[in-house]
């Protein structure tokens, strides 16, 4: 199992870095595919709980939110209002017995994914977007690896047993330490001004916290739907939501952090 996870992680990381380095349609296409697969996994969790899925309006809402950095502001809000009304109207028309809670769950998935993953496009407006996205990915991976390693070796005190029984305080500390190590390495290998080093260290600390919050938040969602994994598309890791749950909150944090840092 560990070998499968390791091989998948290395191949996946190499593929992502290749797409990001190529830029253009490779960059945008990568995140659009991730967004759509994540939406499918979320919708599938709804379906497993016997909640009708509003596929078309939900998908349109997701794409509109994700692509919002490319659209004029007036089109963004007009489009969001229109599609939100489409979701409500479709729910009422096709599923008259759809409850408010079920309708809200249909809205939540595309809104959460669209609002977080739109920063994959916003980063393109910053200087050296490849290095900034690489920082976001490295901090996410460091948080996951550090949490897993220290939790496996020394984990005893449960962090949130109701949400994720395997998460420990020792693992949380490992997440922080590995993120700080990545920040120091990033400072060493980039041309970032030394006086901004303290700022980057603080950003890494908050990125670790954001990564763990994203992980626990997705664990809470999966627990609500009664599933262990969101999908199976990534061998040894589960689904896209399983693998990128931390990244969804780290990405906007790194964007705003680097917006002021650079």
Protein backbone atom coordinates (compact mmCIF):
# COMPACT_ATOMS: atom_id res chain seq x y z
CA UNK A 1 0.00 0.00 0.00
CA UNK A 2 2.77 2.43 0.94
CA UNK A 3 4.62 1.64 -2.30
CA UNK A 4 1.47 2.35 -4.32
CA UNK A 5 0.92 5.63 -2.47
CA UNK A 6 4.54 6.67 -3.01
CA UNK A 7 4.62 5.86 -6.73
CA UNK A 8 1.28 7.59 -7.30
CA UNK A 9 2.43 10.66 -5.36
CA UNK A 10 5.68 10.95 -7.31
CA UNK A 11 4.02 10.48 -10.70
CA UNK A 12 1.20 12.87 -9.80
CA UNK A 13 3.58 15.52 -8.50
CA UNK A 14 5.72 15.30 -11.65
CA UNK A 15 2.64 15.59 -13.87
CA UNK A 16 1.35 18.62 -11.96
CA UNK A 17 4.70 20.40 -12.04
CA UNK A 18 5.01 19.71 -15.78
CA UNK A 19 1.57 21.21 -16.48
CA UNK A 20 2.27 24.23 -14.29
CA UNK A 21 5.67 24.83 -15.87
CA UNK A 22 4.15 24.67 -19.37
CA UNK A 23 1.59 27.28 -18.35
CA UNK A 24 -1.22 28.48 -20.59
CA UNK A 25 -3.80 25.85 -21.49
CA UNK A 26 -1.86 23.21 -19.53
CA UNK A 27 -2.15 25.23 -16.32
CA UNK A 28 -5.82 26.12 -16.77
CA UNK A 29 -6.74 22.67 -18.05
CA UNK A 30 -5.13 20.98 -15.05
CA UNK A 31 -7.19 22.90 -12.53
CA UNK A 32 -10.39 22.71 -14.57
CA UNK A 33 -10.07 18.92 -14.66
CA UNK A 34 -9.37 18.82 -10.91
CA UNK A 35 -12.40 21.02 -10.24
CA UNK A 36 -14.73 18.91 -12.39
CA UNK A 37 -13.53 15.59 -10.95
CA UNK A 38 -13.85 16.98 -7.41
CA UNK A 39 -17.39 18.13 -8.22
CA UNK A 40 -18.25 14.68 -9.55
CA UNK A 41 -16.94 13.08 -6.35
CA UNK A 42 -18.94 15.49 -4.20
CA UNK A 43 -22.08 14.88 -6.26
CA UNK A 44 -21.52 11.13 -5.97
CA UNK A 45 -21.46 11.48 -2.17
CA UNK A 46 -24.80 13.28 -2.41
CA UNK A 47 -26.16 10.49 -4.56
CA UNK A 48 -25.01 7.82 -2.10
CA UNK A 49 -27.07 9.59 0.56
CA UNK A 50 -30.09 9.47 -1.80
CA UNK A 51 -30.02 13.24 -2.38
CA UNK A 52 -30.95 14.26 -5.95
CA UNK A 53 -28.02 15.90 -7.74
CA UNK A 54 -28.55 19.05 -9.83
CA UNK A 55 -25.74 18.20 -12.24
CA UNK A 56 -26.10 20.87 -14.92
CA UNK A 57 -26.73 23.99 -12.82
CA UNK A 58 -24.19 22.82 -10.25
CA UNK A 59 -21.55 22.28 -12.92
CA UNK A 60 -22.25 25.64 -14.54
CA UNK A 61 -22.03 27.38 -11.16
CA UNK A 62 -18.69 25.68 -10.47
CA UNK A 63 -17.17 26.68 -13.82
CA UNK A 64 -18.47 30.24 -13.51
CA UNK A 65 -16.94 30.67 -10.07
CA UNK A 66 -13.67 29.04 -11.11
CA UNK A 67 -13.39 31.22 -14.23
CA UNK A 68 -14.49 34.43 -12.46
CA UNK A 69 -10.96 35.97 -12.53
CA UNK A 70 -11.22 35.92 -16.35
CA UNK A 71 -14.61 37.64 -16.48
CA UNK A 72 -15.61 41.26 -16.16
CA UNK A 73 -16.98 42.05 -12.71
CA UNK A 74 -20.52 42.82 -13.85
CA UNK A 75 -20.68 39.48 -15.68
CA UNK A 76 -19.52 37.65 -12.58
CA UNK A 77 -22.29 38.84 -10.31
CA UNK A 78 -24.98 38.68 -12.98
CA UNK A 79 -23.93 35.16 -13.88
CA UNK A 80 -23.75 34.00 -10.27
CA UNK A 81 -27.21 35.35 -9.55
CA UNK A 82 -28.61 33.71 -12.68
CA UNK A 83 -27.05 30.31 -12.05
CA UNK A 84 -27.97 30.35 -8.35
CA UNK A 85 -31.57 30.96 -9.39
CA UNK A 86 -31.21 28.12 -11.91
CA UNK A 87 -30.17 25.76 -9.15
CA UNK A 88 -33.12 26.74 -6.98
CA UNK A 89 -35.57 26.62 -9.91
CA UNK A 90 -34.27 23.24 -11.09
CA UNK A 91 -34.59 21.84 -7.59
CA UNK A 92 -38.17 23.04 -7.24
CA UNK A 93 -39.22 22.04 -10.77
CA UNK A 94 -37.61 18.60 -11.13
CA UNK A 95 -37.56 17.58 -7.46
CA UNK A 96 -40.54 19.20 -5.72
CA UNK A 97 -39.83 17.18 -2.57
CA UNK A 98 -36.24 18.44 -2.37
CA UNK A 99 -35.74 19.95 1.08
CA UNK A 100 -33.97 23.23 1.80
CA UNK A 101 -31.09 21.28 3.37
CA UNK A 102 -30.71 19.10 0.26
CA UNK A 103 -30.82 22.15 -2.00
CA UNK A 104 -28.18 23.83 0.17
CA UNK A 105 -25.94 20.77 -0.09
CA UNK A 106 -26.26 20.92 -3.87
CA UNK A 107 -25.13 24.55 -3.78
CA UNK A 108 -22.34 24.06 -1.27
CA UNK A 109 -20.12 21.75 -3.35
CA UNK A 110 -19.70 23.91 -6.47
CA UNK A 111 -19.50 27.11 -4.40
CA UNK A 112 -16.76 25.77 -2.12
CA UNK A 113 -14.74 24.29 -4.98
CA UNK A 114 -15.23 27.28 -7.26
CA UNK A 115 -14.35 29.89 -4.65
CA UNK A 116 -11.15 28.12 -3.61
CA UNK A 117 -9.87 26.88 -6.97
CA UNK A 118 -10.43 30.24 -8.68
CA UNK A 119 -7.14 31.28 -7.05
CA UNK A 120 -5.37 28.92 -9.45
CA UNK A 121 -6.18 31.58 -12.07
CA UNK A 122 -5.74 34.63 -9.84
CA UNK A 123 -2.16 33.58 -9.14
CA UNK A 124 -1.40 34.11 -12.83
CA UNK A 125 -1.67 37.87 -12.21
CA UNK A 126 1.20 37.78 -9.70
CA UNK A 127 4.91 37.93 -10.57
CA UNK A 128 6.40 34.45 -11.15
CA UNK A 129 3.14 32.48 -10.74
CA UNK A 130 4.91 29.14 -11.21
CA UNK A 131 7.06 29.62 -8.10
CA UNK A 132 4.07 30.84 -6.07
CA UNK A 133 1.96 27.84 -7.06
CA UNK A 134 4.93 25.59 -6.36
CA UNK A 135 5.13 27.10 -2.87
CA UNK A 136 1.43 26.38 -2.28
CA UNK A 137 1.85 22.78 -3.40
CA UNK A 138 5.05 22.23 -1.40
CA UNK A 139 3.47 23.61 1.77
CA UNK A 140 0.44 21.37 1.26
CA UNK A 141 2.56 18.28 0.65
CA UNK A 142 4.84 19.15 3.59
CA UNK A 143 1.83 19.46 5.88
CA UNK A 144 0.46 16.09 4.75
CA UNK A 145 3.80 14.28 4.95
CA UNK A 146 4.80 15.86 8.27
CA UNK A 147 1.45 15.10 9.83
CA UNK A 148 1.51 11.52 8.58
CA UNK A 149 5.13 10.82 9.58
CA UNK A 150 5.13 12.24 13.11
CA UNK A 151 1.62 10.96 13.74
CA UNK A 152 2.69 7.47 12.70
CA UNK A 153 5.88 7.53 14.76
CA UNK A 154 4.81 9.29 17.95
CA UNK A 155 1.09 10.00 17.67
CA UNK A 156 -0.76 9.36 20.92
CA UNK A 157 -2.99 12.33 21.73
CA UNK A 158 -6.06 12.45 19.50
CA UNK A 159 -6.66 15.79 17.79
CA UNK A 160 -10.29 15.41 16.65
CA UNK A 161 -11.44 11.81 17.18
CA UNK A 162 -15.03 12.61 16.16
CA UNK A 163 -13.90 13.78 12.71
CA UNK A 164 -10.69 11.90 11.99
CA UNK A 165 -9.68 9.21 14.52
CA UNK A 166 -6.12 8.93 13.20
CA UNK A 167 -5.25 12.64 13.52
CA UNK A 168 -3.07 13.43 16.54
CA UNK A 169 -1.53 16.49 18.16
CA UNK A 170 1.91 15.06 17.42
CA UNK A 171 0.95 14.83 13.75
CA UNK A 172 -0.27 18.43 13.85
CA UNK A 173 3.12 19.48 15.20
CA UNK A 174 4.81 17.51 12.43
CA UNK A 175 2.72 19.40 9.89
CA UNK A 176 3.91 22.72 11.30
CA UNK A 177 7.57 21.68 11.45
CA UNK A 178 7.64 20.34 7.90
CA UNK A 179 5.97 23.49 6.56
CA UNK A 180 8.54 25.66 8.33
CA UNK A 181 11.32 23.50 6.84
CA UNK A 182 9.87 23.99 3.35
CA UNK A 183 9.74 27.76 3.91
CA UNK A 184 13.41 27.81 4.89
CA UNK A 185 14.38 25.74 1.84
CA UNK A 186 12.28 27.99 -0.39
CA UNK A 187 14.12 31.02 0.98
CA UNK A 188 17.46 29.34 0.35
CA UNK A 189 16.79 28.35 -3.27
CA UNK A 190 14.91 31.44 -4.47
CA UNK A 191 15.83 35.07 -4.94
CA UNK A 192 13.36 36.26 -2.33
CA UNK A 193 14.71 39.21 -0.36
CA UNK A 194 16.10 38.07 3.02
CA UNK A 195 14.12 40.74 4.88
CA UNK A 196 10.94 39.00 3.74
CA UNK A 197 12.03 35.73 5.29
CA UNK A 198 10.16 36.29 8.55
CA UNK A 199 7.01 37.03 6.56
CA UNK A 200 7.37 33.75 4.66
CA UNK A 201 7.89 31.82 7.90
CA UNK A 202 4.64 33.26 9.27
CA UNK A 203 2.90 32.38 6.00
CA UNK A 204 4.16 28.79 6.29
CA UNK A 205 2.84 28.55 9.84
CA UNK A 206 -0.63 29.69 8.79
CA UNK A 207 -0.49 27.45 5.70
CA UNK A 208 0.06 24.46 7.98
CA UNK A 209 -2.98 25.43 10.03
CA UNK A 210 -5.04 26.00 6.87
CA UNK A 211 -3.99 22.62 5.47
CA UNK A 212 -5.04 20.83 8.64
CA UNK A 213 -8.33 22.73 8.75
CA UNK A 214 -9.02 21.77 5.14
CA UNK A 215 -8.26 18.14 5.93
CA UNK A 216 -10.52 18.07 8.99
CA UNK A 217 -13.27 19.95 7.16
CA UNK A 218 -13.32 17.38 4.37
CA UNK A 219 -13.24 14.60 6.97
CA UNK A 220 -16.36 16.12 8.53
CA UNK A 221 -18.07 16.21 5.13
CA UNK A 222 -17.21 12.59 4.37
CA UNK A 223 -18.33 11.52 7.82
CA UNK A 224 -21.66 13.29 7.25
CA UNK A 225 -22.13 11.40 3.99
CA UNK A 226 -20.96 8.14 5.55
CA UNK A 227 -18.01 7.49 3.23
CA UNK A 228 -14.34 6.80 3.95
CA UNK A 229 -12.96 8.10 0.64
CA UNK A 230 -14.46 10.58 -1.79
CA UNK A 231 -13.41 8.47 -4.76
CA UNK A 232 -10.85 6.04 -6.13
CA UNK A 233 -9.31 7.81 -9.13
CA UNK A 234 -5.89 8.20 -7.44
CA UNK A 235 -4.45 4.76 -6.53
CA UNK A 236 -3.51 4.53 -2.87
CA UNK A 237 -4.92 7.97 -2.08
CA UNK A 238 -8.64 7.79 -2.88
CA UNK A 239 -10.20 10.65 -4.79
CA UNK A 240 -9.27 14.19 -5.75
CA UNK A 241 -11.08 15.55 -2.70
CA UNK A 242 -9.08 13.18 -0.50
CA UNK A 243 -5.78 14.30 -1.99
CA UNK A 244 -6.48 18.04 -2.40
CA UNK A 245 -8.63 18.77 0.67
CA UNK A 246 -5.76 20.64 2.35
CA UNK A 247 -4.77 22.44 -0.85
CA UNK A 248 -8.22 24.01 -1.20
CA UNK A 249 -7.56 26.27 1.80
CA UNK A 250 -3.80 26.64 1.38
CA UNK A 251 -4.15 28.01 -2.17
CA UNK A 252 -6.10 31.22 -1.35
CA UNK A 253 -3.96 31.79 1.75
CA UNK A 254 -0.72 31.60 -0.26
CA UNK A 255 -2.22 33.84 -2.94
CA UNK A 256 -3.00 36.63 -0.50
CA UNK A 257 0.23 36.07 1.39
CA UNK A 258 2.33 36.38 -1.77
CA UNK A 259 0.20 39.26 -3.04
CA UNK A 260 1.65 41.33 -0.21
CA UNK A 261 4.98 39.49 -0.09
CA UNK A 262 5.99 40.18 -3.68
